[in-house]
Amino acid sequence: MDHYQQQLDARHAEMPATRKEGASPATAKPRVSRVTKKKGELLTEDEKKANHIASEQKRRQNIRTGYDQLIQIVPTLTPSQRSEALILQKTVEYIKYLLMEREILEGQLKDASH
């Protein structure tokens, strides 16, 4: 699995220092407004629909953000790869690689302590 290690090294070399998400106004997500009323007041059908649309937009944006984060983390993915199936497949492969690397390192640690 040297392929992953090479990709990982290359990715780390080109990545800028990480910042907390949302720290830059340029990357801030647009705020989706929802209709709220005082307790006891019922929403109209249009208000319910607007809330539903806003919730769905937020859910979709969260999914897109999650896929973008996977693209940044998994060394074999590039920003031009937008296939969700490919992103998930390569993410699973990378997690398996990391688990294998962990087992190897744990074995080396165990051998070194004896």
PDB file of N, CA and C in Angstrom:
ATOM      1  N   MET A   1       0.822  -1.194   0.000  1.00  0.00           N
ATOM      2  CA  MET A   1       0.000   0.000   0.000  1.00  0.00           C
ATOM      3  C   MET A   1       0.868   1.261   0.000  1.00  0.00           C
ATOM      4  N   ASP A   2       2.046   1.179  -0.581  1.00  0.00           N
ATOM      5  CA  ASP A   2       2.917   2.343  -0.691  1.00  0.00           C
ATOM      6  C   ASP A   2       2.257   3.449  -1.494  1.00  0.00           C
ATOM      7  N   HIS A   3       1.347   3.066  -2.383  1.00  0.00           N
ATOM      8  CA  HIS A   3       0.625   4.036  -3.200  1.00  0.00           C
ATOM      9  C   HIS A   3      -0.064   5.068  -2.306  1.00  0.00           C
ATOM     10  N   TYR A   4      -0.747   4.587  -1.257  1.00  0.00           N
ATOM     11  CA  TYR A   4      -1.436   5.497  -0.351  1.00  0.00           C
ATOM     12  C   TYR A   4      -0.447   6.386   0.390  1.00  0.00           C
ATOM     13  N   GLN A   5       0.662   5.806   0.829  1.00  0.00           N
ATOM     14  CA  GLN A   5       1.647   6.589   1.560  1.00  0.00           C
ATOM     15  C   GLN A   5       2.227   7.698   0.681  1.00  0.00           C
ATOM     16  N   GLN A   6       2.513   7.383  -0.580  1.00  0.00           N
ATOM     17  CA  GLN A   6       3.035   8.390  -1.499  1.00  0.00           C
ATOM     18  C   GLN A   6       2.012   9.499  -1.712  1.00  0.00           C
ATOM     19  N   GLN A   7       0.771   9.109  -1.925  1.00  0.00           N
ATOM     20  CA  GLN A   7      -0.290  10.099  -2.129  1.00  0.00           C
ATOM     21  C   GLN A   7      -0.476  10.945  -0.874  1.00  0.00           C
ATOM     22  N   LEU A   8      -0.412  10.299   0.299  1.00  0.00           N
ATOM     23  CA  LEU A   8      -0.577  11.005   1.555  1.00  0.00           C
ATOM     24  C   LEU A   8       0.541  12.026   1.752  1.00  0.00           C
ATOM     25  N   ASP A   9       1.777  11.608   1.494  1.00  0.00           N
ATOM     26  CA  ASP A   9       2.912  12.520   1.625  1.00  0.00           C
ATOM     27  C   ASP A   9       2.777  13.706   0.677  1.00  0.00           C
ATOM     28  N   ALA A  10       2.379  13.434  -0.558  1.00  0.00           N
ATOM     29  CA  ALA A  10       2.211  14.505  -1.542  1.00  0.00           C
ATOM     30  C   ALA A  10       1.095  15.453  -1.115  1.00  0.00           C
ATOM     31  N   ARG A  11      -0.001  14.912  -0.619  1.00  0.00           N
ATOM     32  CA  ARG A  11      -1.144  15.732  -0.186  1.00  0.00           C
ATOM     33  C   ARG A  11      -0.756  16.629   0.975  1.00  0.00           C
ATOM     34  N   HIS A  12      -0.015  16.071   1.957  1.00  0.00           N
ATOM     35  CA  HIS A  12       0.389  16.875   3.109  1.00  0.00           C
ATOM     36  C   HIS A  12       1.345  17.983   2.698  1.00  0.00           C
ATOM     37  N   ALA A  13       2.188  17.723   1.724  1.00  0.00           N
ATOM     38  CA  ALA A  13       3.140  18.730   1.274  1.00  0.00           C
ATOM     39  C   ALA A  13       2.438  19.911   0.620  1.00  0.00           C
ATOM     40  N   GLU A  14       1.316  19.655  -0.061  1.00  0.00           N
ATOM     41  CA  GLU A  14       0.632  20.735  -0.776  1.00  0.00           C
ATOM     42  C   GLU A  14      -0.474  21.401   0.025  1.00  0.00           C
ATOM     43  N   MET A  15      -0.829  20.842   1.183  1.00  0.00           N
ATOM     44  CA  MET A  15      -1.928  21.398   1.971  1.00  0.00           C
ATOM     45  C   MET A  15      -1.459  22.576   2.814  1.00  0.00           C
ATOM     46  N   PRO A  16      -2.227  23.678   2.827  1.00  0.00           N
ATOM     47  CA  PRO A  16      -1.902  24.796   3.711  1.00  0.00           C
ATOM     48  C   PRO A  16      -2.244  24.420   5.147  1.00  0.00           C
ATOM     49  N   ALA A  17      -1.781  25.206   6.082  1.00  0.00           N
ATOM     50  CA  ALA A  17      -2.110  24.955   7.483  1.00  0.00           C
ATOM     51  C   ALA A  17      -3.620  24.990   7.640  1.00  0.00           C
ATOM     52  N   THR A  18      -4.146  24.071   8.436  1.00  0.00           N
ATOM     53  CA  THR A  18      -5.600  23.992   8.591  1.00  0.00           C
ATOM     54  C   THR A  18      -6.085  25.081   9.522  1.00  0.00           C
ATOM     55  N   ARG A  19      -7.307  25.506   9.270  1.00  0.00           N
ATOM     56  CA  ARG A  19      -7.948  26.506  10.100  1.00  0.00           C
ATOM     57  C   ARG A  19      -9.268  25.950  10.559  1.00  0.00           C
ATOM     58  N   LYS A  20      -9.812  26.539  11.581  1.00  0.00           N
ATOM     59  CA  LYS A  20     -11.133  26.122  12.020  1.00  0.00           C
ATOM     60  C   LYS A  20     -12.120  26.420  10.912  1.00  0.00           C
ATOM     61  N   GLU A  21     -13.058  25.495  10.746  1.00  0.00           N
ATOM     62  CA  GLU A  21     -14.049  25.683   9.698  1.00  0.00           C
ATOM     63  C   GLU A  21     -14.880  26.918   9.977  1.00  0.00           C
ATOM     64  N   GLY A  22     -15.154  27.668   8.955  1.00  0.00           N
ATOM     65  CA  GLY A  22     -15.964  28.865   9.101  1.00  0.00           C
ATOM     66  C   GLY A  22     -15.158  30.080   9.535  1.00  0.00           C
ATOM     67  N   ALA A  23     -13.836  29.916   9.702  1.00  0.00           N
ATOM     68  CA  ALA A  23     -13.008  31.026  10.154  1.00  0.00           C
ATOM     69  C   ALA A  23     -12.870  32.100   9.083  1.00  0.00           C
ATOM     70  N   SER A  24     -12.957  31.704   7.838  1.00  0.00           N
ATOM     71  CA  SER A  24     -12.802  32.658   6.749  1.00  0.00           C
ATOM     72  C   SER A  24     -14.160  33.081   6.228  1.00  0.00           C
ATOM     73  N   PRO A  25     -14.403  34.377   6.116  1.00  0.00           N
ATOM     74  CA  PRO A  25     -15.699  34.816   5.600  1.00  0.00           C
ATOM     75  C   PRO A  25     -15.926  34.380   4.163  1.00  0.00           C
ATOM     76  N   ALA A  26     -14.864  34.143   3.418  1.00  0.00           N
ATOM     77  CA  ALA A  26     -15.014  33.727   2.025  1.00  0.00           C
ATOM     78  C   ALA A  26     -15.615  32.332   1.928  1.00  0.00           C
ATOM     79  N   THR A  27     -15.403  31.506   2.955  1.00  0.00           N
ATOM     80  CA  THR A  27     -15.913  30.141   2.922  1.00  0.00           C
ATOM     81  C   THR A  27     -17.167  29.973   3.767  1.00  0.00           C
ATOM     82  N   ALA A  28     -17.681  31.063   4.313  1.00  0.00           N
ATOM     83  CA  ALA A  28     -18.865  30.976   5.158  1.00  0.00           C
ATOM     84  C   ALA A  28     -20.065  30.535   4.336  1.00  0.00           C
ATOM     85  N   LYS A  29     -20.883  29.665   4.944  1.00  0.00           N
ATOM     86  CA  LYS A  29     -22.074  29.176   4.265  1.00  0.00           C
ATOM     87  C   LYS A  29     -23.173  30.232   4.328  1.00  0.00           C
ATOM     88  N   PRO A  30     -23.971  30.315   3.278  1.00  0.00           N
ATOM     89  CA  PRO A  30     -25.089  31.254   3.335  1.00  0.00           C
ATOM     90  C   PRO A  30     -26.104  30.781   4.374  1.00  0.00           C
ATOM     91  N   ARG A  31     -26.653  31.686   5.091  1.00  0.00           N
ATOM     92  CA  ARG A  31     -27.616  31.364   6.126  1.00  0.00           C
ATOM     93  C   ARG A  31     -28.976  31.137   5.483  1.00  0.00           C
ATOM     94  N   VAL A  32     -29.604  30.031   5.816  1.00  0.00           N
ATOM     95  CA  VAL A  32     -30.939  29.739   5.306  1.00  0.00           C
ATOM     96  C   VAL A  32     -31.920  30.143   6.397  1.00  0.00           C
ATOM     97  N   SER A  33     -32.805  31.072   6.070  1.00  0.00           N
ATOM     98  CA  SER A  33     -33.719  31.566   7.098  1.00  0.00           C
ATOM     99  C   SER A  33     -34.950  30.675   7.205  1.00  0.00           C
ATOM    100  N   ARG A  34     -35.378  30.496   8.444  1.00  0.00           N
ATOM    101  CA  ARG A  34     -36.580  29.722   8.710  1.00  0.00           C
ATOM    102  C   ARG A  34     -37.597  30.645   9.372  1.00  0.00           C
ATOM    103  N   VAL A  35     -38.840  30.318   9.189  1.00  0.00           N
ATOM    104  CA  VAL A  35     -39.914  31.107   9.780  1.00  0.00           C
ATOM    105  C   VAL A  35     -40.117  30.632  11.215  1.00  0.00           C
ATOM    106  N   THR A  36     -40.098  31.560  12.158  1.00  0.00           N
ATOM    107  CA  THR A  36     -40.382  31.222  13.553  1.00  0.00           C
ATOM    108  C   THR A  36     -41.479  32.148  14.067  1.00  0.00           C
ATOM    109  N   LYS A  37     -42.260  31.618  14.956  1.00  0.00           N
ATOM    110  CA  LYS A  37     -43.340  32.403  15.541  1.00  0.00           C
ATOM    111  C   LYS A  37     -43.310  32.204  17.046  1.00  0.00           C
ATOM    112  N   LYS A  38     -44.043  33.038  17.730  1.00  0.00           N
ATOM    113  CA  LYS A  38     -44.139  32.916  19.174  1.00  0.00           C
ATOM    114  C   LYS A  38     -44.813  31.598  19.527  1.00  0.00           C
ATOM    115  N   LYS A  39     -44.512  31.109  20.721  1.00  0.00           N
ATOM    116  CA  LYS A  39     -45.088  29.847  21.179  1.00  0.00           C
ATOM    117  C   LYS A  39     -46.615  29.915  21.133  1.00  0.00           C
ATOM    118  N   GLY A  40     -47.198  28.876  20.618  1.00  0.00           N
ATOM    119  CA  GLY A  40     -48.652  28.807  20.530  1.00  0.00           C
ATOM    120  C   GLY A  40     -49.202  29.262  19.192  1.00  0.00           C
ATOM    121  N   GLU A  41     -48.417  29.991  18.400  1.00  0.00           N
ATOM    122  CA  GLU A  41     -48.876  30.434  17.091  1.00  0.00           C
ATOM    123  C   GLU A  41     -48.563  29.353  16.067  1.00  0.00           C
ATOM    124  N   LEU A  42     -49.511  29.047  15.220  1.00  0.00           N
ATOM    125  CA  LEU A  42     -49.326  28.022  14.190  1.00  0.00           C
ATOM    126  C   LEU A  42     -48.752  28.630  12.920  1.00  0.00           C
ATOM    127  N   LEU A  43     -47.977  27.828  12.224  1.00  0.00           N
ATOM    128  CA  LEU A  43     -47.412  28.260  10.952  1.00  0.00           C
ATOM    129  C   LEU A  43     -48.432  28.047   9.843  1.00  0.00           C
ATOM    130  N   THR A  44     -48.411  28.916   8.856  1.00  0.00           N
ATOM    131  CA  THR A  44     -49.268  28.724   7.687  1.00  0.00           C
ATOM    132  C   THR A  44     -48.650  27.641   6.813  1.00  0.00           C
ATOM    133  N   GLU A  45     -49.394  27.178   5.849  1.00  0.00           N
ATOM    134  CA  GLU A  45     -48.873  26.154   4.931  1.00  0.00           C
ATOM    135  C   GLU A  45     -47.649  26.664   4.179  1.00  0.00           C
ATOM    136  N   ASP A  46     -47.682  27.937   3.763  1.00  0.00           N
ATOM    137  CA  ASP A  46     -46.531  28.522   3.063  1.00  0.00           C
ATOM    138  C   ASP A  46     -45.309  28.584   3.971  1.00  0.00           C
ATOM    139  N   GLU A  47     -45.530  28.915   5.236  1.00  0.00           N
ATOM    140  CA  GLU A  47     -44.418  28.970   6.189  1.00  0.00           C
ATOM    141  C   GLU A  47     -43.843  27.579   6.452  1.00  0.00           C
ATOM    142  N   LYS A  48     -44.731  26.588   6.551  1.00  0.00           N
ATOM    143  CA  LYS A  48     -44.270  25.203   6.727  1.00  0.00           C
ATOM    144  C   LYS A  48     -43.447  24.757   5.524  1.00  0.00           C
ATOM    145  N   LYS A  49     -43.926  25.109   4.340  1.00  0.00           N
ATOM    146  CA  LYS A  49     -43.217  24.751   3.113  1.00  0.00           C
ATOM    147  C   LYS A  49     -41.847  25.427   3.072  1.00  0.00           C
ATOM    148  N   ALA A  50     -41.796  26.705   3.443  1.00  0.00           N
ATOM    149  CA  ALA A  50     -40.532  27.442   3.462  1.00  0.00           C
ATOM    150  C   ALA A  50     -39.554  26.802   4.455  1.00  0.00           C
ATOM    151  N   ASN A  51     -40.056  26.394   5.621  1.00  0.00           N
ATOM    152  CA  ASN A  51     -39.208  25.729   6.607  1.00  0.00           C
ATOM    153  C   ASN A  51     -38.690  24.398   6.085  1.00  0.00           C
ATOM    154  N   HIS A  52     -39.565  23.661   5.430  1.00  0.00           N
ATOM    155  CA  HIS A  52     -39.163  22.371   4.874  1.00  0.00           C
ATOM    156  C   HIS A  52     -38.083  22.554   3.807  1.00  0.00           C
ATOM    157  N   ILE A  53     -38.263  23.514   2.944  1.00  0.00           N
ATOM    158  CA  ILE A  53     -37.276  23.791   1.883  1.00  0.00           C
ATOM    159  C   ILE A  53     -35.941  24.196   2.503  1.00  0.00           C
ATOM    160  N   ALA A  54     -35.996  25.076   3.508  1.00  0.00           N
ATOM    161  CA  ALA A  54     -34.762  25.520   4.167  1.00  0.00           C
ATOM    162  C   ALA A  54     -34.060  24.343   4.843  1.00  0.00           C
ATOM    163  N   SER A  55     -34.813  23.474   5.493  1.00  0.00           N
ATOM    164  CA  SER A  55     -34.221  22.301   6.152  1.00  0.00           C
ATOM    165  C   SER A  55     -33.583  21.366   5.137  1.00  0.00           C
ATOM    166  N   GLU A  56     -34.251  21.171   4.026  1.00  0.00           N
ATOM    167  CA  GLU A  56     -33.716  20.286   2.980  1.00  0.00           C
ATOM    168  C   GLU A  56     -32.444  20.879   2.364  1.00  0.00           C
ATOM    169  N   GLN A  57     -32.436  22.185   2.141  1.00  0.00           N
ATOM    170  CA  GLN A  57     -31.229  22.832   1.608  1.00  0.00           C
ATOM    171  C   GLN A  57     -30.059  22.681   2.582  1.00  0.00           C
ATOM    172  N   LYS A  58     -30.345  22.829   3.861  1.00  0.00           N
ATOM    173  CA  LYS A  58     -29.303  22.683   4.878  1.00  0.00           C
ATOM    174  C   LYS A  58     -28.785  21.243   4.896  1.00  0.00           C
ATOM    175  N   ARG A  59     -29.673  20.262   4.806  1.00  0.00           N
ATOM    176  CA  ARG A  59     -29.281  18.856   4.792  1.00  0.00           C
ATOM    177  C   ARG A  59     -28.387  18.564   3.591  1.00  0.00           C
ATOM    178  N   ARG A  60     -28.769  19.052   2.421  1.00  0.00           N
ATOM    179  CA  ARG A  60     -27.968  18.829   1.213  1.00  0.00           C
ATOM    180  C   ARG A  60     -26.597  19.498   1.313  1.00  0.00           C
ATOM    181  N   GLN A  61     -26.567  20.710   1.870  1.00  0.00           N
ATOM    182  CA  GLN A  61     -25.290  21.413   2.037  1.00  0.00           C
ATOM    183  C   GLN A  61     -24.376  20.645   2.994  1.00  0.00           C
ATOM    184  N   ASN A  62     -24.945  20.094   4.049  1.00  0.00           N
ATOM    185  CA  ASN A  62     -24.151  19.311   4.992  1.00  0.00           C
ATOM    186  C   ASN A  62     -23.568  18.059   4.327  1.00  0.00           C
ATOM    187  N   ILE A  63     -24.334  17.437   3.457  1.00  0.00           N
ATOM    188  CA  ILE A  63     -23.834  16.271   2.722  1.00  0.00           C
ATOM    189  C   ILE A  63     -22.700  16.687   1.796  1.00  0.00           C
ATOM    190  N   ARG A  64     -22.893  17.786   1.057  1.00  0.00           N
ATOM    191  CA  ARG A  64     -21.825  18.281   0.172  1.00  0.00           C
ATOM    192  C   ARG A  64     -20.560  18.599   0.961  1.00  0.00           C
ATOM    193  N   THR A  65     -20.712  19.228   2.108  1.00  0.00           N
ATOM    194  CA  THR A  65     -19.564  19.558   2.958  1.00  0.00           C
ATOM    195  C   THR A  65     -18.848  18.284   3.396  1.00  0.00           C
ATOM    196  N   GLY A  66     -19.609  17.261   3.754  1.00  0.00           N
ATOM    197  CA  GLY A  66     -19.011  15.985   4.157  1.00  0.00           C
ATOM    198  C   GLY A  66     -18.199  15.362   3.034  1.00  0.00           C
ATOM    199  N   TYR A  67     -18.728  15.363   1.823  1.00  0.00           N
ATOM    200  CA  TYR A  67     -17.983  14.822   0.676  1.00  0.00           C
ATOM    201  C   TYR A  67     -16.743  15.667   0.385  1.00  0.00           C
ATOM    202  N   ASP A  68     -16.859  16.980   0.510  1.00  0.00           N
ATOM    203  CA  ASP A  68     -15.689  17.849   0.313  1.00  0.00           C
ATOM    204  C   ASP A  68     -14.598  17.533   1.332  1.00  0.00           C
ATOM    205  N   GLN A  69     -14.995  17.278   2.566  1.00  0.00           N
ATOM    206  CA  GLN A  69     -14.022  16.934   3.601  1.00  0.00           C
ATOM    207  C   GLN A  69     -13.352  15.594   3.298  1.00  0.00           C
ATOM    208  N   LEU A  70     -14.112  14.628   2.812  1.00  0.00           N
ATOM    209  CA  LEU A  70     -13.516  13.340   2.440  1.00  0.00           C
ATOM    210  C   LEU A  70     -12.505  13.523   1.312  1.00  0.00           C
ATOM    211  N   ILE A  71     -12.832  14.378   0.340  1.00  0.00           N
ATOM    212  CA  ILE A  71     -11.906  14.635  -0.771  1.00  0.00           C
ATOM    213  C   ILE A  71     -10.604  15.227  -0.239  1.00  0.00           C
ATOM    214  N   GLN A  72     -10.689  16.078   0.766  1.00  0.00           N
ATOM    215  CA  GLN A  72      -9.484  16.683   1.333  1.00  0.00           C
ATOM    216  C   GLN A  72      -8.659  15.677   2.134  1.00  0.00           C
ATOM    217  N   ILE A  73      -9.307  14.723   2.779  1.00  0.00           N
ATOM    218  CA  ILE A  73      -8.621  13.803   3.689  1.00  0.00           C
ATOM    219  C   ILE A  73      -8.040  12.594   2.970  1.00  0.00           C
ATOM    220  N   VAL A  74      -8.778  12.013   2.036  1.00  0.00           N
ATOM    221  CA  VAL A  74      -8.346  10.780   1.371  1.00  0.00           C
ATOM    222  C   VAL A  74      -7.343  11.130   0.271  1.00  0.00           C
ATOM    223  N   PRO A  75      -6.107  10.610   0.395  1.00  0.00           N
ATOM    224  CA  PRO A  75      -5.051  11.022  -0.534  1.00  0.00           C
ATOM    225  C   PRO A  75      -5.291  10.652  -1.996  1.00  0.00           C
ATOM    226  N   THR A  76      -6.064   9.626  -2.271  1.00  0.00           N
ATOM    227  CA  THR A  76      -6.251   9.203  -3.661  1.00  0.00           C
ATOM    228  C   THR A  76      -7.411   9.928  -4.348  1.00  0.00           C
ATOM    229  N   LEU A  77      -8.029  10.871  -3.660  1.00  0.00           N
ATOM    230  CA  LEU A  77      -9.122  11.642  -4.256  1.00  0.00           C
ATOM    231  C   LEU A  77      -8.643  13.041  -4.628  1.00  0.00           C
ATOM    232  N   THR A  78      -9.239  13.585  -5.680  1.00  0.00           N
ATOM    233  CA  THR A  78      -8.936  14.956  -6.091  1.00  0.00           C
ATOM    234  C   THR A  78     -10.240  15.745  -6.160  1.00  0.00           C
ATOM    235  N   PRO A  79     -10.165  17.061  -6.027  1.00  0.00           N
ATOM    236  CA  PRO A  79     -11.384  17.871  -6.074  1.00  0.00           C
ATOM    237  C   PRO A  79     -12.203  17.699  -7.351  1.00  0.00           C
ATOM    238  N   SER A  80     -11.584  17.246  -8.422  1.00  0.00           N
ATOM    239  CA  SER A  80     -12.331  17.069  -9.672  1.00  0.00           C
ATOM    240  C   SER A  80     -13.191  15.803  -9.650  1.00  0.00           C
ATOM    241  N   GLN A  81     -12.959  14.927  -8.682  1.00  0.00           N
ATOM    242  CA  GLN A  81     -13.747  13.693  -8.593  1.00  0.00           C
ATOM    243  C   GLN A  81     -14.992  13.966  -7.764  1.00  0.00           C
ATOM    244  N   ARG A  82     -16.141  14.001  -8.413  1.00  0.00           N
ATOM    245  CA  ARG A  82     -17.385  14.351  -7.725  1.00  0.00           C
ATOM    246  C   ARG A  82     -18.359  13.186  -7.628  1.00  0.00           C
ATOM    247  N   SER A  83     -17.950  12.000  -8.052  1.00  0.00           N
ATOM    248  CA  SER A  83     -18.835  10.843  -7.953  1.00  0.00           C
ATOM    249  C   SER A  83     -18.914  10.402  -6.497  1.00  0.00           C
ATOM    250  N   GLU A  84     -20.112  10.467  -5.927  1.00  0.00           N
ATOM    251  CA  GLU A  84     -20.282  10.082  -4.531  1.00  0.00           C
ATOM    252  C   GLU A  84     -19.910   8.624  -4.312  1.00  0.00           C
ATOM    253  N   ALA A  85     -20.247   7.765  -5.256  1.00  0.00           N
ATOM    254  CA  ALA A  85     -19.912   6.348  -5.129  1.00  0.00           C
ATOM    255  C   ALA A  85     -18.395   6.155  -5.105  1.00  0.00           C
ATOM    256  N   LEU A  86     -17.679   6.855  -5.971  1.00  0.00           N
ATOM    257  CA  LEU A  86     -16.217   6.760  -6.014  1.00  0.00           C
ATOM    258  C   LEU A  86     -15.611   7.302  -4.725  1.00  0.00           C
ATOM    259  N   ILE A  87     -16.132   8.410  -4.235  1.00  0.00           N
ATOM    260  CA  ILE A  87     -15.625   8.996  -2.995  1.00  0.00           C
ATOM    261  C   ILE A  87     -15.795   8.010  -1.845  1.00  0.00           C
ATOM    262  N   LEU A  88     -16.953   7.399  -1.742  1.00  0.00           N
ATOM    263  CA  LEU A  88     -17.189   6.438  -0.667  1.00  0.00           C
ATOM    264  C   LEU A  88     -16.306   5.198  -0.820  1.00  0.00           C
ATOM    265  N   GLN A  89     -16.169   4.694  -2.047  1.00  0.00           N
ATOM    266  CA  GLN A  89     -15.348   3.513  -2.301  1.00  0.00           C
ATOM    267  C   GLN A  89     -13.891   3.769  -1.908  1.00  0.00           C
ATOM    268  N   LYS A  90     -13.338   4.900  -2.342  1.00  0.00           N
ATOM    269  CA  LYS A  90     -11.939   5.202  -2.036  1.00  0.00           C
ATOM    270  C   LYS A  90     -11.749   5.509  -0.547  1.00  0.00           C
ATOM    271  N   THR A  91     -12.764   6.057   0.083  1.00  0.00           N
ATOM    272  CA  THR A  91     -12.689   6.316   1.520  1.00  0.00           C
ATOM    273  C   THR A  91     -12.616   5.004   2.289  1.00  0.00           C
ATOM    274  N   VAL A  92     -13.432   4.030   1.891  1.00  0.00           N
ATOM    275  CA  VAL A  92     -13.398   2.715   2.540  1.00  0.00           C
ATOM    276  C   VAL A  92     -12.027   2.069   2.340  1.00  0.00           C
ATOM    277  N   GLU A  93     -11.493   2.137   1.131  1.00  0.00           N
ATOM    278  CA  GLU A  93     -10.164   1.579   0.866  1.00  0.00           C
ATOM    279  C   GLU A  93      -9.114   2.243   1.749  1.00  0.00           C
ATOM    280  N   TYR A  94      -9.195   3.549   1.907  1.00  0.00           N
ATOM    281  CA  TYR A  94      -8.224   4.282   2.708  1.00  0.00           C
ATOM    282  C   TYR A  94      -8.340   3.912   4.190  1.00  0.00           C
ATOM    283  N   ILE A  95      -9.564   3.763   4.679  1.00  0.00           N
ATOM    284  CA  ILE A  95      -9.753   3.373   6.080  1.00  0.00           C
ATOM    285  C   ILE A  95      -9.174   1.980   6.311  1.00  0.00           C
ATOM    286  N   LYS A  96      -9.400   1.063   5.369  1.00  0.00           N
ATOM    287  CA  LYS A  96      -8.815  -0.280   5.493  1.00  0.00           C
ATOM    288  C   LYS A  96      -7.295  -0.205   5.515  1.00  0.00           C
ATOM    289  N   TYR A  97      -6.729   0.650   4.675  1.00  0.00           N
ATOM    290  CA  TYR A  97      -5.277   0.843   4.650  1.00  0.00           C
ATOM    291  C   TYR A  97      -4.790   1.361   6.004  1.00  0.00           C
ATOM    292  N   LEU A  98      -5.482   2.362   6.549  1.00  0.00           N
ATOM    293  CA  LEU A  98      -5.080   2.924   7.841  1.00  0.00           C
ATOM    294  C   LEU A  98      -5.173   1.891   8.958  1.00  0.00           C
ATOM    295  N   LEU A  99      -6.208   1.055   8.932  1.00  0.00           N
ATOM    296  CA  LEU A  99      -6.337   0.002   9.939  1.00  0.00           C
ATOM    297  C   LEU A  99      -5.198  -1.008   9.825  1.00  0.00           C
ATOM    298  N   MET A 100      -4.818  -1.344   8.589  1.00  0.00           N
ATOM    299  CA  MET A 100      -3.709  -2.261   8.378  1.00  0.00           C
ATOM    300  C   MET A 100      -2.409  -1.632   8.892  1.00  0.00           C
ATOM    301  N   GLU A 101      -2.182  -0.367   8.578  1.00  0.00           N
ATOM    302  CA  GLU A 101      -0.993   0.335   9.061  1.00  0.00           C
ATOM    303  C   GLU A 101      -0.956   0.360  10.584  1.00  0.00           C
ATOM    304  N   ARG A 102      -2.103   0.564  11.194  1.00  0.00           N
ATOM    305  CA  ARG A 102      -2.184   0.589  12.654  1.00  0.00           C
ATOM    306  C   ARG A 102      -1.785  -0.761  13.238  1.00  0.00           C
ATOM    307  N   GLU A 103      -2.289  -1.845  12.646  1.00  0.00           N
ATOM    308  CA  GLU A 103      -1.926  -3.190  13.120  1.00  0.00           C
ATOM    309  C   GLU A 103      -0.418  -3.410  13.017  1.00  0.00           C
ATOM    310  N   ILE A 104       0.163  -2.983  11.912  1.00  0.00           N
ATOM    311  CA  ILE A 104       1.612  -3.142  11.714  1.00  0.00           C
ATOM    312  C   ILE A 104       2.371  -2.365  12.787  1.00  0.00           C
ATOM    313  N   LEU A 105       1.971  -1.116  13.023  1.00  0.00           N
ATOM    314  CA  LEU A 105       2.645  -0.288  14.017  1.00  0.00           C
ATOM    315  C   LEU A 105       2.478  -0.852  15.427  1.00  0.00           C
ATOM    316  N   GLU A 106       1.280  -1.357  15.726  1.00  0.00           N
ATOM    317  CA  GLU A 106       1.061  -1.970  17.039  1.00  0.00           C
ATOM    318  C   GLU A 106       1.936  -3.208  17.209  1.00  0.00           C
ATOM    319  N   GLY A 107       2.080  -3.987  16.130  1.00  0.00           N
ATOM    320  CA  GLY A 107       2.956  -5.166  16.175  1.00  0.00           C
ATOM    321  C   GLY A 107       4.403  -4.772  16.401  1.00  0.00           C
ATOM    322  N   GLN A 108       4.857  -3.717  15.721  1.00  0.00           N
ATOM    323  CA  GLN A 108       6.228  -3.254  15.898  1.00  0.00           C
ATOM    324  C   GLN A 108       6.450  -2.732  17.318  1.00  0.00           C
ATOM    325  N   LEU A 109       5.463  -2.055  17.860  1.00  0.00           N
ATOM    326  CA  LEU A 109       5.563  -1.546  19.224  1.00  0.00           C
ATOM    327  C   LEU A 109       5.626  -2.690  20.223  1.00  0.00           C
ATOM    328  N   LYS A 110       4.804  -3.699  19.990  1.00  0.00           N
ATOM    329  CA  LYS A 110       4.780  -4.861  20.872  1.00  0.00           C
ATOM    330  C   LYS A 110       6.129  -5.599  20.809  1.00  0.00           C
ATOM    331  N   ASP A 111       6.679  -5.744  19.592  1.00  0.00           N
ATOM    332  CA  ASP A 111       7.987  -6.412  19.421  1.00  0.00           C
ATOM    333  C   ASP A 111       9.099  -5.612  20.095  1.00  0.00           C
ATOM    334  N   ALA A 112       9.025  -4.296  20.003  1.00  0.00           N
ATOM    335  CA  ALA A 112      10.072  -3.451  20.565  1.00  0.00           C
ATOM    336  C   ALA A 112      10.039  -3.464  22.103  1.00  0.00           C
ATOM    337  N   SER A 113       8.874  -3.682  22.690  1.00  0.00           N
ATOM    338  CA  SER A 113       8.776  -3.676  24.149  1.00  0.00           C
ATOM    339  C   SER A 113       9.175  -5.016  24.764  1.00  0.00           C
ATOM    340  N   HIS A 114       9.391  -6.034  23.957  1.00  0.00           N
ATOM    341  CA  HIS A 114       9.808  -7.342  24.501  1.00  0.00           C
ATOM    342  C   HIS A 114      11.276  -7.496  24.522  1.00  0.00           C
TER     343      HIS A 114
END
